[in-house]
Amino acid sequence: MERKRPIQKIFFVNEEENDYIKNKMNDAKLNNFSVYARLMLMNGVINVIDFELIKSLKTEVNRIGVNINQIVKRIHETESEIRQDDLMEMIQLQKQLNQTIHEMITHVTD
């Protein structure tokens, strides 16, 4: 079977440089030096996506959705119009959601 990348590049590093490279690979969540070197040489940067932030955002959005559903259920059960405090609570939940999304975007783009 023929290799996709048949040309091999070899270079030497000292112990300190090797440790630095290993740390950078760890930061990039890569354990294959060839992949790391190729990405760095071709792109100059490796973008690492922190999926924990996305999971956190998903959890927060879900929590806010549950709260809004509880308010809507209460409105339907009492067959009444939206109360001022329910409306204010939904507005506050929307503000929380906007703040959480803003924080996540700020963290990802820094």
PDB file of N, CA and C in Angstrom:
ATOM      1  N   MET A   1       0.845  -1.187   0.000  1.00  0.00           N
ATOM      2  CA  MET A   1       0.000   0.000   0.000  1.00  0.00           C
ATOM      3  C   MET A   1       0.890   1.250   0.000  1.00  0.00           C
ATOM      4  N   GLU A   2       0.575   2.180  -0.859  1.00  0.00           N
ATOM      5  CA  GLU A   2       1.365   3.392  -0.988  1.00  0.00           C
ATOM      6  C   GLU A   2       0.941   4.414   0.068  1.00  0.00           C
ATOM      7  N   ARG A   3       1.939   5.074   0.672  1.00  0.00           N
ATOM      8  CA  ARG A   3       1.664   6.089   1.687  1.00  0.00           C
ATOM      9  C   ARG A   3       1.044   7.333   1.068  1.00  0.00           C
ATOM     10  N   LYS A   4       0.188   7.973   1.851  1.00  0.00           N
ATOM     11  CA  LYS A   4      -0.422   9.226   1.409  1.00  0.00           C
ATOM     12  C   LYS A   4       0.622  10.344   1.400  1.00  0.00           C
ATOM     13  N   ARG A   5       1.563  10.262   2.343  1.00  0.00           N
ATOM     14  CA  ARG A   5       2.635  11.250   2.455  1.00  0.00           C
ATOM     15  C   ARG A   5       3.971  10.503   2.422  1.00  0.00           C
ATOM     16  N   PRO A   6       4.551  10.317   1.261  1.00  0.00           N
ATOM     17  CA  PRO A   6       5.740   9.475   1.150  1.00  0.00           C
ATOM     18  C   PRO A   6       7.054  10.159   1.528  1.00  0.00           C
ATOM     19  N   ILE A   7       7.067  11.475   1.693  1.00  0.00           N
ATOM     20  CA  ILE A   7       8.314  12.183   1.976  1.00  0.00           C
ATOM     21  C   ILE A   7       8.466  12.365   3.480  1.00  0.00           C
ATOM     22  N   GLN A   8       9.611  11.910   4.002  1.00  0.00           N
ATOM     23  CA  GLN A   8       9.864  12.001   5.439  1.00  0.00           C
ATOM     24  C   GLN A   8      10.796  13.173   5.713  1.00  0.00           C
ATOM     25  N   LYS A   9      10.494  13.951   6.746  1.00  0.00           N
ATOM     26  CA  LYS A   9      11.338  15.053   7.195  1.00  0.00           C
ATOM     27  C   LYS A   9      11.857  14.707   8.587  1.00  0.00           C
ATOM     28  N   ILE A  10      13.157  14.867   8.782  1.00  0.00           N
ATOM     29  CA  ILE A  10      13.777  14.533  10.066  1.00  0.00           C
ATOM     30  C   ILE A  10      14.542  15.764  10.559  1.00  0.00           C
ATOM     31  N   PHE A  11      14.436  16.043  11.870  1.00  0.00           N
ATOM     32  CA  PHE A  11      15.238  17.103  12.463  1.00  0.00           C
ATOM     33  C   PHE A  11      15.530  16.743  13.911  1.00  0.00           C
ATOM     34  N   PHE A  12      16.490  17.429  14.502  1.00  0.00           N
ATOM     35  CA  PHE A  12      16.941  17.115  15.845  1.00  0.00           C
ATOM     36  C   PHE A  12      16.606  18.255  16.799  1.00  0.00           C
ATOM     37  N   VAL A  13      16.314  17.896  18.042  1.00  0.00           N
ATOM     38  CA  VAL A  13      16.042  18.866  19.101  1.00  0.00           C
ATOM     39  C   VAL A  13      16.795  18.446  20.352  1.00  0.00           C
ATOM     40  N   ASN A  14      17.020  19.399  21.254  1.00  0.00           N
ATOM     41  CA  ASN A  14      17.620  19.039  22.539  1.00  0.00           C
ATOM     42  C   ASN A  14      16.506  18.680  23.528  1.00  0.00           C
ATOM     43  N   GLU A  15      16.877  18.304  24.725  1.00  0.00           N
ATOM     44  CA  GLU A  15      15.907  17.843  25.725  1.00  0.00           C
ATOM     45  C   GLU A  15      14.888  18.929  26.072  1.00  0.00           C
ATOM     46  N   GLU A  16      15.367  20.149  26.230  1.00  0.00           N
ATOM     47  CA  GLU A  16      14.475  21.265  26.578  1.00  0.00           C
ATOM     48  C   GLU A  16      13.459  21.523  25.456  1.00  0.00           C
ATOM     49  N   GLU A  17      13.924  21.524  24.231  1.00  0.00           N
ATOM     50  CA  GLU A  17      13.025  21.721  23.094  1.00  0.00           C
ATOM     51  C   GLU A  17      12.020  20.577  22.978  1.00  0.00           C
ATOM     52  N   ASN A  18      12.489  19.370  23.246  1.00  0.00           N
ATOM     53  CA  ASN A  18      11.603  18.204  23.199  1.00  0.00           C
ATOM     54  C   ASN A  18      10.491  18.324  24.242  1.00  0.00           C
ATOM     55  N   ASP A  19      10.862  18.737  25.458  1.00  0.00           N
ATOM     56  CA  ASP A  19       9.855  18.931  26.511  1.00  0.00           C
ATOM     57  C   ASP A  19       8.854  20.016  26.111  1.00  0.00           C
ATOM     58  N   TYR A  20       9.364  21.086  25.504  1.00  0.00           N
ATOM     59  CA  TYR A  20       8.501  22.181  25.052  1.00  0.00           C
ATOM     60  C   TYR A  20       7.503  21.673  24.014  1.00  0.00           C
ATOM     61  N   ILE A  21       7.992  20.901  23.054  1.00  0.00           N
ATOM     62  CA  ILE A  21       7.126  20.351  22.005  1.00  0.00           C
ATOM     63  C   ILE A  21       6.073  19.433  22.618  1.00  0.00           C
ATOM     64  N   LYS A  22       6.489  18.585  23.552  1.00  0.00           N
ATOM     65  CA  LYS A  22       5.532  17.678  24.204  1.00  0.00           C
ATOM     66  C   LYS A  22       4.448  18.461  24.935  1.00  0.00           C
ATOM     67  N   ASN A  23       4.840  19.532  25.617  1.00  0.00           N
ATOM     68  CA  ASN A  23       3.857  20.365  26.323  1.00  0.00           C
ATOM     69  C   ASN A  23       2.888  21.022  25.348  1.00  0.00           C
ATOM     70  N   LYS A  24       3.412  21.519  24.236  1.00  0.00           N
ATOM     71  CA  LYS A  24       2.552  22.139  23.227  1.00  0.00           C
ATOM     72  C   LYS A  24       1.603  21.117  22.604  1.00  0.00           C
ATOM     73  N   MET A  25       2.096  19.906  22.366  1.00  0.00           N
ATOM     74  CA  MET A  25       1.238  18.845  21.830  1.00  0.00           C
ATOM     75  C   MET A  25       0.136  18.512  22.825  1.00  0.00           C
ATOM     76  N   ASN A  26       0.500  18.455  24.105  1.00  0.00           N
ATOM     77  CA  ASN A  26      -0.483  18.178  25.151  1.00  0.00           C
ATOM     78  C   ASN A  26      -1.540  19.283  25.197  1.00  0.00           C
ATOM     79  N   ASP A  27      -1.100  20.542  25.107  1.00  0.00           N
ATOM     80  CA  ASP A  27      -2.036  21.673  25.091  1.00  0.00           C
ATOM     81  C   ASP A  27      -2.992  21.580  23.908  1.00  0.00           C
ATOM     82  N   ALA A  28      -2.472  21.091  22.774  1.00  0.00           N
ATOM     83  CA  ALA A  28      -3.281  20.972  21.558  1.00  0.00           C
ATOM     84  C   ALA A  28      -4.085  19.676  21.530  1.00  0.00           C
ATOM     85  N   LYS A  29      -3.943  18.876  22.578  1.00  0.00           N
ATOM     86  CA  LYS A  29      -4.660  17.599  22.688  1.00  0.00           C
ATOM     87  C   LYS A  29      -4.298  16.654  21.532  1.00  0.00           C
ATOM     88  N   LEU A  30      -3.007  16.663  21.168  1.00  0.00           N
ATOM     89  CA  LEU A  30      -2.496  15.780  20.118  1.00  0.00           C
ATOM     90  C   LEU A  30      -1.407  14.893  20.702  1.00  0.00           C
ATOM     91  N   ASN A  31      -1.372  13.639  20.298  1.00  0.00           N
ATOM     92  CA  ASN A  31      -0.305  12.754  20.763  1.00  0.00           C
ATOM     93  C   ASN A  31       0.529  12.209  19.607  1.00  0.00           C
ATOM     94  N   ASN A  32       0.244  12.631  18.395  1.00  0.00           N
ATOM     95  CA  ASN A  32       0.993  12.203  17.225  1.00  0.00           C
ATOM     96  C   ASN A  32       1.839  13.380  16.746  1.00  0.00           C
ATOM     97  N   PHE A  33       3.176  13.220  16.851  1.00  0.00           N
ATOM     98  CA  PHE A  33       4.062  14.326  16.491  1.00  0.00           C
ATOM     99  C   PHE A  33       3.923  14.722  15.027  1.00  0.00           C
ATOM    100  N   SER A  34       3.763  13.763  14.144  1.00  0.00           N
ATOM    101  CA  SER A  34       3.638  14.076  12.713  1.00  0.00           C
ATOM    102  C   SER A  34       2.443  14.985  12.453  1.00  0.00           C
ATOM    103  N   VAL A  35       1.337  14.682  13.093  1.00  0.00           N
ATOM    104  CA  VAL A  35       0.135  15.510  12.927  1.00  0.00           C
ATOM    105  C   VAL A  35       0.392  16.908  13.478  1.00  0.00           C
ATOM    106  N   TYR A  36       0.978  16.972  14.684  1.00  0.00           N
ATOM    107  CA  TYR A  36       1.263  18.261  15.312  1.00  0.00           C
ATOM    108  C   TYR A  36       2.206  19.092  14.439  1.00  0.00           C
ATOM    109  N   ALA A  37       3.308  18.488  14.012  1.00  0.00           N
ATOM    110  CA  ALA A  37       4.300  19.211  13.211  1.00  0.00           C
ATOM    111  C   ALA A  37       3.697  19.697  11.896  1.00  0.00           C
ATOM    112  N   ARG A  38       2.942  18.842  11.250  1.00  0.00           N
ATOM    113  CA  ARG A  38       2.328  19.213   9.971  1.00  0.00           C
ATOM    114  C   ARG A  38       1.360  20.394  10.156  1.00  0.00           C
ATOM    115  N   LEU A  39       0.519  20.331  11.190  1.00  0.00           N
ATOM    116  CA  LEU A  39      -0.428  21.425  11.446  1.00  0.00           C
ATOM    117  C   LEU A  39       0.301  22.735  11.746  1.00  0.00           C
ATOM    118  N   MET A  40       1.341  22.658  12.568  1.00  0.00           N
ATOM    119  CA  MET A  40       2.079  23.869  12.923  1.00  0.00           C
ATOM    120  C   MET A  40       2.834  24.435  11.729  1.00  0.00           C
ATOM    121  N   LEU A  41       3.456  23.570  10.946  1.00  0.00           N
ATOM    122  CA  LEU A  41       4.222  24.052   9.797  1.00  0.00           C
ATOM    123  C   LEU A  41       3.326  24.604   8.692  1.00  0.00           C
ATOM    124  N   MET A  42       2.201  23.980   8.479  1.00  0.00           N
ATOM    125  CA  MET A  42       1.311  24.402   7.392  1.00  0.00           C
ATOM    126  C   MET A  42       0.416  25.579   7.791  1.00  0.00           C
ATOM    127  N   ASN A  43      -0.044  25.591   9.042  1.00  0.00           N
ATOM    128  CA  ASN A  43      -1.011  26.607   9.478  1.00  0.00           C
ATOM    129  C   ASN A  43      -0.431  27.629  10.446  1.00  0.00           C
ATOM    130  N   GLY A  44       0.606  27.253  11.160  1.00  0.00           N
ATOM    131  CA  GLY A  44       1.212  28.151  12.134  1.00  0.00           C
ATOM    132  C   GLY A  44       0.480  28.214  13.460  1.00  0.00           C
ATOM    133  N   VAL A  45      -0.676  27.575  13.523  1.00  0.00           N
ATOM    134  CA  VAL A  45      -1.467  27.605  14.749  1.00  0.00           C
ATOM    135  C   VAL A  45      -2.379  26.382  14.775  1.00  0.00           C
ATOM    136  N   ILE A  46      -2.688  25.943  15.985  1.00  0.00           N
ATOM    137  CA  ILE A  46      -3.638  24.845  16.157  1.00  0.00           C
ATOM    138  C   ILE A  46      -4.771  25.364  17.021  1.00  0.00           C
ATOM    139  N   ASN A  47      -5.966  25.343  16.491  1.00  0.00           N
ATOM    140  CA  ASN A  47      -7.140  25.778  17.249  1.00  0.00           C
ATOM    141  C   ASN A  47      -7.698  24.596  18.028  1.00  0.00           C
ATOM    142  N   VAL A  48      -7.778  24.770  19.340  1.00  0.00           N
ATOM    143  CA  VAL A  48      -8.317  23.734  20.211  1.00  0.00           C
ATOM    144  C   VAL A  48      -9.686  24.196  20.691  1.00  0.00           C
ATOM    145  N   ILE A  49     -10.691  23.384  20.462  1.00  0.00           N
ATOM    146  CA  ILE A  49     -12.048  23.718  20.886  1.00  0.00           C
ATOM    147  C   ILE A  49     -12.315  23.053  22.225  1.00  0.00           C
ATOM    148  N   ASP A  50     -12.714  23.856  23.197  1.00  0.00           N
ATOM    149  CA  ASP A  50     -13.028  23.343  24.527  1.00  0.00           C
ATOM    150  C   ASP A  50     -14.505  22.974  24.559  1.00  0.00           C
ATOM    151  N   PHE A  51     -14.785  21.691  24.402  1.00  0.00           N
ATOM    152  CA  PHE A  51     -16.170  21.238  24.358  1.00  0.00           C
ATOM    153  C   PHE A  51     -16.845  21.316  25.721  1.00  0.00           C
ATOM    154  N   GLU A  52     -16.072  21.478  26.786  1.00  0.00           N
ATOM    155  CA  GLU A  52     -16.668  21.640  28.114  1.00  0.00           C
ATOM    156  C   GLU A  52     -17.495  22.925  28.157  1.00  0.00           C
ATOM    157  N   LEU A  53     -17.023  23.960  27.471  1.00  0.00           N
ATOM    158  CA  LEU A  53     -17.794  25.212  27.421  1.00  0.00           C
ATOM    159  C   LEU A  53     -19.121  25.000  26.708  1.00  0.00           C
ATOM    160  N   ILE A  54     -19.090  24.243  25.634  1.00  0.00           N
ATOM    161  CA  ILE A  54     -20.320  23.978  24.890  1.00  0.00           C
ATOM    162  C   ILE A  54     -21.268  23.136  25.729  1.00  0.00           C
ATOM    163  N   LYS A  55     -20.726  22.140  26.443  1.00  0.00           N
ATOM    164  CA  LYS A  55     -21.565  21.327  27.333  1.00  0.00           C
ATOM    165  C   LYS A  55     -22.185  22.200  28.414  1.00  0.00           C
ATOM    166  N   SER A  56     -21.385  23.108  28.959  1.00  0.00           N
ATOM    167  CA  SER A  56     -21.875  24.009  30.001  1.00  0.00           C
ATOM    168  C   SER A  56     -22.988  24.901  29.461  1.00  0.00           C
ATOM    169  N   LEU A  57     -22.795  25.415  28.260  1.00  0.00           N
ATOM    170  CA  LEU A  57     -23.823  26.250  27.645  1.00  0.00           C
ATOM    171  C   LEU A  57     -25.094  25.447  27.408  1.00  0.00           C
ATOM    172  N   LYS A  58     -24.946  24.217  26.938  1.00  0.00           N
ATOM    173  CA  LYS A  58     -26.109  23.358  26.694  1.00  0.00           C
ATOM    174  C   LYS A  58     -26.885  23.138  27.993  1.00  0.00           C
ATOM    175  N   THR A  59     -26.165  22.879  29.073  1.00  0.00           N
ATOM    176  CA  THR A  59     -26.799  22.665  30.374  1.00  0.00           C
ATOM    177  C   THR A  59     -27.542  23.919  30.826  1.00  0.00           C
ATOM    178  N   GLU A  60     -26.905  25.063  30.651  1.00  0.00           N
ATOM    179  CA  GLU A  60     -27.522  26.330  31.066  1.00  0.00           C
ATOM    180  C   GLU A  60     -28.774  26.629  30.242  1.00  0.00           C
ATOM    181  N   VAL A  61     -28.683  26.430  28.932  1.00  0.00           N
ATOM    182  CA  VAL A  61     -29.842  26.660  28.059  1.00  0.00           C
ATOM    183  C   VAL A  61     -30.976  25.715  28.439  1.00  0.00           C
ATOM    184  N   ASN A  62     -30.643  24.464  28.719  1.00  0.00           N
ATOM    185  CA  ASN A  62     -31.653  23.485  29.117  1.00  0.00           C
ATOM    186  C   ASN A  62     -32.332  23.902  30.423  1.00  0.00           C
ATOM    187  N   ARG A  63     -31.539  24.365  31.389  1.00  0.00           N
ATOM    188  CA  ARG A  63     -32.087  24.803  32.680  1.00  0.00           C
ATOM    189  C   ARG A  63     -33.045  25.976  32.488  1.00  0.00           C
ATOM    190  N   ILE A  64     -32.639  26.921  31.667  1.00  0.00           N
ATOM    191  CA  ILE A  64     -33.492  28.080  31.404  1.00  0.00           C
ATOM    192  C   ILE A  64     -34.765  27.649  30.686  1.00  0.00           C
ATOM    193  N   GLY A  65     -34.639  26.719  29.740  1.00  0.00           N
ATOM    194  CA  GLY A  65     -35.816  26.198  29.036  1.00  0.00           C
ATOM    195  C   GLY A  65     -36.792  25.530  29.979  1.00  0.00           C
ATOM    196  N   VAL A  66     -36.277  24.765  30.932  1.00  0.00           N
ATOM    197  CA  VAL A  66     -37.135  24.107  31.924  1.00  0.00           C
ATOM    198  C   VAL A  66     -37.874  25.157  32.752  1.00  0.00           C
ATOM    199  N   ASN A  67     -37.166  26.200  33.164  1.00  0.00           N
ATOM    200  CA  ASN A  67     -37.804  27.265  33.949  1.00  0.00           C
ATOM    201  C   ASN A  67     -38.913  27.956  33.160  1.00  0.00           C
ATOM    202  N   ILE A  68     -38.647  28.241  31.902  1.00  0.00           N
ATOM    203  CA  ILE A  68     -39.673  28.882  31.066  1.00  0.00           C
ATOM    204  C   ILE A  68     -40.869  27.956  30.891  1.00  0.00           C
ATOM    205  N   ASN A  69     -40.614  26.672  30.672  1.00  0.00           N
ATOM    206  CA  ASN A  69     -41.713  25.707  30.540  1.00  0.00           C
ATOM    207  C   ASN A  69     -42.560  25.647  31.806  1.00  0.00           C
ATOM    208  N   GLN A  70     -41.927  25.746  32.973  1.00  0.00           N
ATOM    209  CA  GLN A  70     -42.674  25.739  34.232  1.00  0.00           C
ATOM    210  C   GLN A  70     -43.581  26.969  34.329  1.00  0.00           C
ATOM    211  N   ILE A  71     -43.067  28.104  33.885  1.00  0.00           N
ATOM    212  CA  ILE A  71     -43.879  29.325  33.913  1.00  0.00           C
ATOM    213  C   ILE A  71     -45.075  29.178  32.978  1.00  0.00           C
ATOM    214  N   VAL A  72     -44.838  28.678  31.768  1.00  0.00           N
ATOM    215  CA  VAL A  72     -45.922  28.495  30.794  1.00  0.00           C
ATOM    216  C   VAL A  72     -46.945  27.497  31.321  1.00  0.00           C
ATOM    217  N   LYS A  73     -46.482  26.424  31.944  1.00  0.00           N
ATOM    218  CA  LYS A  73     -47.393  25.422  32.511  1.00  0.00           C
ATOM    219  C   LYS A  73     -48.271  26.060  33.588  1.00  0.00           C
ATOM    220  N   ARG A  74     -47.653  26.881  34.432  1.00  0.00           N
ATOM    221  CA  ARG A  74     -48.404  27.548  35.499  1.00  0.00           C
ATOM    222  C   ARG A  74     -49.474  28.468  34.900  1.00  0.00           C
ATOM    223  N   ILE A  75     -49.138  29.145  33.820  1.00  0.00           N
ATOM    224  CA  ILE A  75     -50.108  30.027  33.155  1.00  0.00           C
ATOM    225  C   ILE A  75     -51.275  29.208  32.611  1.00  0.00           C
ATOM    226  N   HIS A  76     -50.966  28.077  31.968  1.00  0.00           N
ATOM    227  CA  HIS A  76     -52.025  27.231  31.403  1.00  0.00           C
ATOM    228  C   HIS A  76     -52.901  26.605  32.493  1.00  0.00           C
ATOM    229  N   GLU A  77     -52.281  26.207  33.591  1.00  0.00           N
ATOM    230  CA  GLU A  77     -53.041  25.569  34.673  1.00  0.00           C
ATOM    231  C   GLU A  77     -54.011  26.545  35.326  1.00  0.00           C
ATOM    232  N   THR A  78     -53.591  27.768  35.456  1.00  0.00           N
ATOM    233  CA  THR A  78     -54.454  28.759  36.110  1.00  0.00           C
ATOM    234  C   THR A  78     -55.360  29.458  35.110  1.00  0.00           C
ATOM    235  N   GLU A  79     -55.153  29.158  33.824  1.00  0.00           N
ATOM    236  CA  GLU A  79     -55.946  29.757  32.744  1.00  0.00           C
ATOM    237  C   GLU A  79     -56.037  31.269  32.900  1.00  0.00           C
ATOM    238  N   SER A  80     -54.914  31.833  33.215  1.00  0.00           N
ATOM    239  CA  SER A  80     -54.896  33.284  33.399  1.00  0.00           C
ATOM    240  C   SER A  80     -53.892  33.909  32.438  1.00  0.00           C
ATOM    241  N   GLU A  81     -53.900  35.208  32.449  1.00  0.00           N
ATOM    242  CA  GLU A  81     -52.940  35.929  31.633  1.00  0.00           C
ATOM    243  C   GLU A  81     -51.577  35.869  32.312  1.00  0.00           C
ATOM    244  N   ILE A  82     -50.574  36.253  31.560  1.00  0.00           N
ATOM    245  CA  ILE A  82     -49.220  36.241  32.121  1.00  0.00           C
ATOM    246  C   ILE A  82     -49.137  37.285  33.230  1.00  0.00           C
ATOM    247  N   ARG A  83     -48.668  36.834  34.381  1.00  0.00           N
ATOM    248  CA  ARG A  83     -48.497  37.756  35.506  1.00  0.00           C
ATOM    249  C   ARG A  83     -47.218  38.557  35.305  1.00  0.00           C
ATOM    250  N   GLN A  84     -47.186  39.705  35.907  1.00  0.00           N
ATOM    251  CA  GLN A  84     -46.024  40.585  35.792  1.00  0.00           C
ATOM    252  C   GLN A  84     -44.763  39.888  36.298  1.00  0.00           C
ATOM    253  N   ASP A  85     -44.852  39.172  37.428  1.00  0.00           N
ATOM    254  CA  ASP A  85     -43.658  38.518  37.970  1.00  0.00           C
ATOM    255  C   ASP A  85     -43.188  37.374  37.064  1.00  0.00           C
ATOM    256  N   ASP A  86     -44.137  36.675  36.400  1.00  0.00           N
ATOM    257  CA  ASP A  86     -43.745  35.623  35.454  1.00  0.00           C
ATOM    258  C   ASP A  86     -43.011  36.229  34.258  1.00  0.00           C
ATOM    259  N   LEU A  87     -43.537  37.339  33.771  1.00  0.00           N
ATOM    260  CA  LEU A  87     -42.912  38.011  32.638  1.00  0.00           C
ATOM    261  C   LEU A  87     -41.511  38.500  33.013  1.00  0.00           C
ATOM    262  N   MET A  88     -41.383  39.065  34.201  1.00  0.00           N
ATOM    263  CA  MET A  88     -40.081  39.550  34.660  1.00  0.00           C
ATOM    264  C   MET A  88     -39.097  38.386  34.814  1.00  0.00           C
ATOM    265  N   GLU A  89     -39.597  37.246  35.295  1.00  0.00           N
ATOM    266  CA  GLU A  89     -38.733  36.073  35.443  1.00  0.00           C
ATOM    267  C   GLU A  89     -38.251  35.588  34.077  1.00  0.00           C
ATOM    268  N   MET A  90     -39.134  35.571  33.082  1.00  0.00           N
ATOM    269  CA  MET A  90     -38.730  35.143  31.737  1.00  0.00           C
ATOM    270  C   MET A  90     -37.717  36.120  31.138  1.00  0.00           C
ATOM    271  N   ILE A  91     -37.906  37.399  31.379  1.00  0.00           N
ATOM    272  CA  ILE A  91     -36.944  38.396  30.893  1.00  0.00           C
ATOM    273  C   ILE A  91     -35.591  38.182  31.557  1.00  0.00           C
ATOM    274  N   GLN A  92     -35.599  37.904  32.867  1.00  0.00           N
ATOM    275  CA  GLN A  92     -34.352  37.650  33.592  1.00  0.00           C
ATOM    276  C   GLN A  92     -33.662  36.394  33.059  1.00  0.00           C
ATOM    277  N   LEU A  93     -34.440  35.349  32.782  1.00  0.00           N
ATOM    278  CA  LEU A  93     -33.867  34.121  32.223  1.00  0.00           C
ATOM    279  C   LEU A  93     -33.248  34.386  30.851  1.00  0.00           C
ATOM    280  N   GLN A  94     -33.897  35.204  30.049  1.00  0.00           N
ATOM    281  CA  GLN A  94     -33.351  35.567  28.738  1.00  0.00           C
ATOM    282  C   GLN A  94     -32.032  36.325  28.895  1.00  0.00           C
ATOM    283  N   LYS A  95     -31.973  37.227  29.880  1.00  0.00           N
ATOM    284  CA  LYS A  95     -30.736  37.966  30.135  1.00  0.00           C
ATOM    285  C   LYS A  95     -29.620  37.018  30.570  1.00  0.00           C
ATOM    286  N   GLN A  96     -29.956  36.038  31.420  1.00  0.00           N
ATOM    287  CA  GLN A  96     -28.961  35.043  31.842  1.00  0.00           C
ATOM    288  C   GLN A  96     -28.429  34.271  30.645  1.00  0.00           C
ATOM    289  N   LEU A  97     -29.320  33.877  29.773  1.00  0.00           N
ATOM    290  CA  LEU A  97     -28.932  33.136  28.578  1.00  0.00           C
ATOM    291  C   LEU A  97     -28.003  33.979  27.707  1.00  0.00           C
ATOM    292  N   ASN A  98     -28.373  35.228  27.483  1.00  0.00           N
ATOM    293  CA  ASN A  98     -27.532  36.118  26.681  1.00  0.00           C
ATOM    294  C   ASN A  98     -26.157  36.299  27.312  1.00  0.00           C
ATOM    295  N   GLN A  99     -26.103  36.454  28.630  1.00  0.00           N
ATOM    296  CA  GLN A  99     -24.838  36.632  29.339  1.00  0.00           C
ATOM    297  C   GLN A  99     -23.976  35.378  29.222  1.00  0.00           C
ATOM    298  N   THR A 100     -24.588  34.214  29.385  1.00  0.00           N
ATOM    299  CA  THR A 100     -23.848  32.954  29.284  1.00  0.00           C
ATOM    300  C   THR A 100     -23.266  32.780  27.887  1.00  0.00           C
ATOM    301  N   ILE A 101     -24.054  33.064  26.872  1.00  0.00           N
ATOM    302  CA  ILE A 101     -23.571  32.949  25.490  1.00  0.00           C
ATOM    303  C   ILE A 101     -22.442  33.947  25.244  1.00  0.00           C
ATOM    304  N   HIS A 102     -22.595  35.161  25.729  1.00  0.00           N
ATOM    305  CA  HIS A 102     -21.558  36.184  25.563  1.00  0.00           C
ATOM    306  C   HIS A 102     -20.249  35.741  26.226  1.00  0.00           C
ATOM    307  N   GLU A 103     -20.336  35.204  27.441  1.00  0.00           N
ATOM    308  CA  GLU A 103     -19.140  34.738  28.144  1.00  0.00           C
ATOM    309  C   GLU A 103     -18.454  33.613  27.380  1.00  0.00           C
ATOM    310  N   MET A 104     -19.243  32.695  26.835  1.00  0.00           N
ATOM    311  CA  MET A 104     -18.664  31.586  26.087  1.00  0.00           C
ATOM    312  C   MET A 104     -17.965  32.091  24.831  1.00  0.00           C
ATOM    313  N   ILE A 105     -18.604  32.978  24.103  1.00  0.00           N
ATOM    314  CA  ILE A 105     -18.001  33.515  22.878  1.00  0.00           C
ATOM    315  C   ILE A 105     -16.728  34.283  23.207  1.00  0.00           C
ATOM    316  N   THR A 106     -16.753  35.068  24.277  1.00  0.00           N
ATOM    317  CA  THR A 106     -15.571  35.818  24.692  1.00  0.00           C
ATOM    318  C   THR A 106     -14.433  34.875  25.039  1.00  0.00           C
ATOM    319  N   HIS A 107     -14.738  33.804  25.765  1.00  0.00           N
ATOM    320  CA  HIS A 107     -13.709  32.839  26.161  1.00  0.00           C
ATOM    321  C   HIS A 107     -13.126  32.128  24.945  1.00  0.00           C
ATOM    322  N   VAL A 108     -13.963  31.744  24.008  1.00  0.00           N
ATOM    323  CA  VAL A 108     -13.512  31.004  22.827  1.00  0.00           C
ATOM    324  C   VAL A 108     -12.665  31.883  21.917  1.00  0.00           C
ATOM    325  N   THR A 109     -12.994  33.169  21.811  1.00  0.00           N
ATOM    326  CA  THR A 109     -12.274  34.047  20.891  1.00  0.00           C
ATOM    327  C   THR A 109     -11.034  34.671  21.502  1.00  0.00           C
ATOM    328  N   ASP A 110     -10.807  34.499  22.786  1.00  0.00           N
ATOM    329  CA  ASP A 110      -9.590  35.045  23.421  1.00  0.00           C
ATOM    330  C   ASP A 110      -8.385  34.191  23.130  1.00  0.00           C
TER     331      ASP A 110
END
